Amino acid sequence: MLNISIASNVRDQVRRVAEEHKRQIGFATVKAVNELAKIAAAEEKKRLSEFFDNPTPFTVNSVAIKYAKKGNPTATIYIRPLAARYIAPYEFGGKQYLGDKPADLVPIDAASNQYGNLPRNTIKRYLNRKDVFLGKVGSVYGLWQRPTPQKQMKGRGQKLANNTGKLILLVAFSDPVNTTKRLNFGARASAVVGRNVRQVFERELAAAIASAR
């Protein structure tokens, strides 16, 4: 009886395909990890937008990605250092970080920007005015505007005049407080990765195999 064994031939083909796909798996892994990182970062940006009251683009866009690459298929999502200093207390607890400011600035009658903050150099501009001083009145430390004398009420600068007959508080300085809210950075990222990891990896693997043909 003549026998022709083809099992070894098939095994050779299986090994060859497995080796080819092994190379593609590595490539697909890096691609999938980076795609998932983008999805996760977008979710963390959304969290910052909801967590803080009308945050600035600087705060929201402080979420950054260190992308995975060949030989190191790990992506890291992090907060950039400058923003991390004032966001950290909302993650780990502690007092608000105010940087070089002596206290938190709370605009009262001063014009603030769309994010509720004082425009740059506002304090300096106010202090250049003769009718504005920095000091404590009662229990409130801040920028105060003196009443404008009657003879200066008319004419140029009338809009900036204080015609109330009493001091006007422009900006209050309040001490930093202990944070109570917690950001839980990474919670949303973990959840969205868990929901999407299989779909994204299978898509990237199929694309990698197709491109290798």
Protein backbone atom coordinates (compact mmCIF):
# COMPACT_ATOMS: atom_id res chain seq x y z
CA MET A 1 0.00 0.00 0.00
CA LEU A 2 1.28 3.39 -0.88
CA ASN A 3 1.07 5.99 1.82
CA ILE A 4 1.58 9.71 1.39
CA SER A 5 1.79 11.65 4.62
CA ILE A 6 0.93 15.32 4.34
CA ALA A 7 0.63 16.13 8.04
CA SER A 8 4.20 17.39 8.24
CA ASN A 9 3.64 19.67 5.27
CA VAL A 10 0.57 21.17 6.88
CA ARG A 11 2.43 21.65 10.16
CA ASP A 12 5.15 23.50 8.30
CA GLN A 13 2.57 25.80 6.74
CA VAL A 14 0.91 26.39 10.12
CA ARG A 15 4.25 27.32 11.66
CA ARG A 16 5.02 29.65 8.77
CA VAL A 17 1.64 31.40 9.03
CA ALA A 18 1.98 31.58 12.81
CA GLU A 19 5.38 33.26 12.46
CA GLU A 20 4.02 35.75 9.96
CA HIS A 21 1.06 36.54 12.15
CA LYS A 22 3.28 36.80 15.20
CA ARG A 23 5.06 39.71 13.56
CA GLN A 24 1.73 41.28 12.66
CA ILE A 25 0.41 40.78 16.19
CA GLY A 26 3.23 42.91 17.55
CA PHE A 27 2.48 45.67 15.06
CA ALA A 28 -1.27 45.43 15.66
CA THR A 29 -0.76 45.57 19.43
CA VAL A 30 1.06 48.89 19.25
CA LYS A 31 -1.57 50.33 16.89
CA ALA A 32 -4.43 49.11 19.07
CA VAL A 33 -2.86 50.42 22.27
CA ASN A 34 -2.39 53.87 20.75
CA GLU A 35 -5.94 53.95 19.40
CA LEU A 36 -7.28 52.98 22.80
CA ALA A 37 -5.11 55.65 24.40
CA LYS A 38 -6.71 58.30 22.18
CA ILE A 39 -10.19 57.12 23.16
CA ALA A 40 -9.23 57.07 26.84
CA ALA A 41 -7.63 60.53 26.72
CA ALA A 42 -10.77 61.98 25.12
CA GLU A 43 -12.81 60.48 27.95
CA GLU A 44 -10.54 62.02 30.59
CA LYS A 45 -10.77 65.41 28.89
CA LYS A 46 -14.54 65.12 29.06
CA ARG A 47 -14.23 64.32 32.76
CA LEU A 48 -12.18 67.49 33.39
CA SER A 49 -14.79 69.54 31.52
CA GLU A 50 -17.52 68.20 33.77
CA PHE A 51 -15.53 68.20 37.02
CA PHE A 52 -14.36 71.81 37.03
CA ASP A 53 -16.68 74.77 36.63
CA ASN A 54 -16.06 76.10 33.12
CA PRO A 55 -12.36 75.06 32.94
CA THR A 56 -9.96 76.79 30.58
CA PRO A 57 -8.75 75.02 27.41
CA PHE A 58 -5.32 74.87 29.09
CA THR A 59 -6.78 72.67 31.84
CA VAL A 60 -8.80 70.42 29.54
CA ASN A 61 -5.98 70.00 27.04
CA SER A 62 -3.50 69.15 29.79
CA VAL A 63 -4.40 65.50 29.24
CA ALA A 64 -1.55 64.08 27.18
CA ILE A 65 -0.44 60.72 25.79
CA LYS A 66 2.94 59.03 25.72
CA TYR A 67 2.38 56.68 22.81
CA ALA A 68 3.34 53.02 22.61
CA LYS A 69 6.04 52.03 20.16
CA LYS A 70 7.79 48.93 18.88
CA GLY A 71 9.57 47.22 21.75
CA ASN A 72 7.46 49.02 24.34
CA PRO A 73 3.75 48.44 23.59
CA THR A 74 2.56 50.56 26.51
CA ALA A 75 0.81 53.90 26.21
CA THR A 76 0.53 56.27 29.16
CA ILE A 77 -2.12 58.92 29.69
CA TYR A 78 -1.04 61.71 32.02
CA ILE A 79 -1.62 65.33 33.04
CA ARG A 80 1.07 67.76 31.89
CA PRO A 81 3.23 69.05 34.79
CA LEU A 82 2.04 72.68 34.91
CA ALA A 83 -1.61 71.70 35.15
CA ALA A 84 -0.88 68.69 37.37
CA ARG A 85 0.25 71.01 40.17
CA TYR A 86 -3.19 72.52 40.65
CA ILE A 87 -5.18 69.43 39.62
CA ALA A 88 -3.32 67.08 42.01
CA PRO A 89 -5.10 68.27 45.20
CA TYR A 90 -8.40 67.22 43.61
CA GLU A 91 -6.97 63.76 43.04
CA PHE A 92 -4.98 63.14 46.21
CA GLY A 93 -6.45 65.68 48.63
CA GLY A 94 -4.92 68.71 50.31
CA LYS A 95 -5.16 72.46 49.82
CA GLN A 96 -5.70 74.20 46.52
CA TYR A 97 -2.48 75.01 44.71
CA LEU A 98 -2.25 78.72 43.94
CA GLY A 99 1.31 78.92 42.68
CA ASP A 100 2.87 82.34 43.14
CA LYS A 101 -0.45 83.96 44.02
CA PRO A 102 -0.80 84.95 47.68
CA ALA A 103 -4.41 83.82 47.66
CA ASP A 104 -7.23 82.78 45.39
CA LEU A 105 -8.54 85.69 43.33
CA VAL A 106 -12.29 86.16 43.24
CA PRO A 107 -13.49 88.83 40.78
CA ILE A 108 -16.32 90.88 42.28
CA ASP A 109 -16.87 94.07 40.27
CA ALA A 110 -13.85 93.48 38.05
CA ALA A 111 -14.41 92.22 34.52
CA SER A 112 -13.50 88.55 34.21
CA ASN A 113 -13.00 86.44 31.10
CA GLN A 114 -15.36 83.72 29.88
CA TYR A 115 -13.80 81.25 32.31
CA GLY A 116 -14.42 83.43 35.36
CA ASN A 117 -10.75 84.39 35.69
CA LEU A 118 -9.12 87.78 35.71
CA PRO A 119 -7.40 88.65 32.44
CA ARG A 120 -3.62 88.78 32.61
CA ASN A 121 -2.11 91.87 34.30
CA THR A 122 -5.51 93.00 35.59
CA ILE A 123 -4.20 93.44 39.14
CA LYS A 124 -1.25 95.48 37.90
CA ARG A 125 -3.49 97.73 35.81
CA TYR A 126 -5.82 98.36 38.73
CA LEU A 127 -2.94 99.21 41.06
CA ASN A 128 -1.78 101.83 38.56
CA ARG A 129 -5.00 103.72 39.24
CA LYS A 130 -4.89 106.37 41.99
CA ASP A 131 -8.38 105.45 43.23
CA VAL A 132 -7.57 101.74 43.73
CA PHE A 133 -5.62 100.21 46.60
CA LEU A 134 -4.75 96.76 47.86
CA GLY A 135 -5.56 96.15 51.48
CA LYS A 136 -7.88 94.80 54.14
CA VAL A 137 -11.20 96.46 54.89
CA GLY A 138 -12.96 94.78 57.76
CA SER A 139 -12.28 91.07 57.31
CA VAL A 140 -11.87 91.21 53.54
CA TYR A 141 -8.47 91.52 51.88
CA GLY A 142 -8.57 92.63 48.28
CA LEU A 143 -8.52 95.37 45.69
CA TRP A 144 -10.75 98.29 46.65
CA GLN A 145 -11.84 101.35 44.69
CA ARG A 146 -12.30 104.61 46.56
CA PRO A 147 -15.31 106.81 45.87
CA THR A 148 -14.70 109.23 43.04
CA PRO A 149 -14.90 112.94 44.05
CA GLN A 150 -17.93 114.72 42.62
CA LYS A 151 -15.82 117.06 40.52
CA GLN A 152 -14.32 114.06 38.67
CA MET A 153 -17.66 112.37 37.98
CA LYS A 154 -18.09 113.93 34.53
CA GLY A 155 -16.00 113.71 31.45
CA ARG A 156 -13.42 111.22 30.42
CA GLY A 157 -13.27 108.04 32.47
CA GLN A 158 -16.82 108.41 33.77
CA LYS A 159 -17.52 104.71 33.21
CA LEU A 160 -14.72 103.81 35.63
CA ALA A 161 -15.83 106.26 38.29
CA ASN A 162 -17.09 105.03 41.65
CA ASN A 163 -20.15 107.19 42.25
CA THR A 164 -21.58 105.06 45.06
CA GLY A 165 -20.07 107.21 47.78
CA LYS A 166 -18.43 104.18 49.38
CA LEU A 167 -15.63 101.71 48.77
CA ILE A 168 -16.19 99.12 46.07
CA LEU A 169 -14.58 95.68 46.36
CA LEU A 170 -13.15 94.82 42.94
CA VAL A 171 -11.25 91.61 43.69
CA ALA A 172 -11.30 89.57 46.88
CA PHE A 173 -8.34 87.44 47.95
CA SER A 174 -9.40 84.25 49.70
CA ASP A 175 -7.09 81.73 51.34
CA PRO A 176 -6.70 78.33 49.66
CA VAL A 177 -9.05 75.71 51.04
CA ASN A 178 -8.84 71.96 51.44
CA THR A 179 -10.35 70.19 48.44
CA THR A 180 -13.28 67.87 48.98
CA LYS A 181 -14.13 66.81 45.43
CA ARG A 182 -12.13 63.95 43.88
CA LEU A 183 -11.35 63.70 40.19
CA ASN A 184 -10.59 59.93 40.15
CA PHE A 185 -8.32 60.36 37.15
CA GLY A 186 -8.07 57.18 35.10
CA ALA A 187 -11.39 55.65 36.14
CA ARG A 188 -13.13 56.61 32.93
CA ALA A 189 -10.09 55.63 30.87
CA SER A 190 -10.04 52.13 32.36
CA ALA A 191 -13.74 51.68 31.72
CA VAL A 192 -13.65 52.82 28.10
CA VAL A 193 -10.58 50.68 27.35
CA GLY A 194 -12.32 47.65 28.81
CA ARG A 195 -15.33 48.22 26.58
CA ASN A 196 -13.33 48.72 23.40
CA VAL A 197 -10.15 46.65 23.67
CA ARG A 198 -11.38 43.54 21.82
CA GLN A 199 -13.01 45.44 18.97
CA VAL A 200 -10.03 47.74 18.46
CA PHE A 201 -7.43 44.96 18.64
CA GLU A 202 -9.32 42.70 16.21
CA ARG A 203 -9.69 45.58 13.76
CA GLU A 204 -5.99 46.49 13.93
CA LEU A 205 -4.91 42.84 13.65
CA ALA A 206 -7.08 42.29 10.59
CA ALA A 207 -5.65 45.44 9.00
CA ALA A 208 -2.08 44.34 9.80
CA ILE A 209 -2.62 40.86 8.31
CA ALA A 210 -4.23 42.33 5.21
CA SER A 211 -1.36 44.75 4.68
CA ALA A 212 1.18 41.93 4.94
CA ARG A 213 -0.26 39.98 2.02
